Structure formats: structure tokens, C-alpha cells
Amino acid sequence: MTFGFVEQSGGHPSAHSVGGDGAAYNLLLPRMPSEPCDETSSGDNPTTPVAADAEAVLVVEDDADLRHLVVELLYELEYQVFDAPDGTSALKILEQNAQIDLLLSDVVLPGGMLGPDIAAAALRARPDLKVMYMSGYTDGAEVGTIGSDTDIELIRKPFKLADLGHRLRRVLDS
């Protein structure tokens, strides 16, 4: 997962091992620009939309580091955030917190419950809940997992803060 994220970010992973001495892993990532760039300035909306009226998002992601990163991005966008590592935990959180407005779930999760399974169970209890998926797979296979008979909001990992903000706003406002 980590090597995939590095490659999708335009970086380069490498490994080197010497028998008896162990292994070394290098993750080379592109340099951040020294000056912040406004990636949305060419669009109609030059700012990244933030949460309105204490909106809350539940993040379901099995990779702890990635889940923490998404949670931090959502905090930056001023959302209230709940997070879960799997479907069972996510459904418990949804059951206990009626103020959650949107489920943001990875599509492929271990443990037998995929993102679409979580969404289906959650929507039976809360038909007004908004759902958005995220995935690091690039071959489109996950769309078949989600199903093509509904409007699917899928954001590809890795994503930028502005992309996440605009996508969330679109889903929440629909």
C-alpha cells in the first residue's frame, strides 16, 4: 500500500538488502513547491469549500496512516470527523451518532465487509446518509464492486485537499 501511494504521488520506492545486515527502504517523494500554489484559481471557485453548520463525516479506512491523513484533511476543511478501521466499527459509530452526514469509505477493506456493504447497511437505517467512496486502485475494478446502477461518487487516492473539499460539497449538497 505504501509503495503504491508513493508511485501514485510521482515518487519512487526502492529497497536494498544485504544478507545478514537487514534491509533499507527508501521512499523518494516529489519536492513540495517553496511557494504555495493555488490549484483552483483557474476554476469558477477560487477557494476550497469547507463544512457548513457542523457537518460530520465518518471515514472508513483500514490503513491507519492513511486514515489519520484523511481525518486531518477533513479537520482542515472544518468537518467534525469520526473514523473506523473496518465495517463493523463503522456501523457501530453510525448507530451511536445520528449527526453524521456523510460516509467516506474505502472500497476495498479486509474482513469480509467492503465499502459498498457498509453503505448498504447504513442506508437501510439512515436513508438520508450521503455516501462517497475512495480508492487507490486505478484499473476501474472497484466500480464493479460498488455497482453501476447508482450514482457513484468515487475519489481516487491520493487526492488533494481542494479535490476532496469540492467533492464533499457536491455530495452533501445533492
Foldseek 3Di string as FASTA:
>chain_A
DVQLQLVVQVWHKDKDDDVPPGIDIDRGGDDDDPDDDQPCVVDPDSDQAADDPQAEEEEEAQPVVVQVVVVVLNVVSVHHYHYDPDLVVSVVVCVVDVRHAEYEYEQDHPDPAGPLNSVVVSCVVPVRHFYAYEYQDDPCPSCVVNPDPDDYHYHYPPDDSSVVRVSVVVRSVD
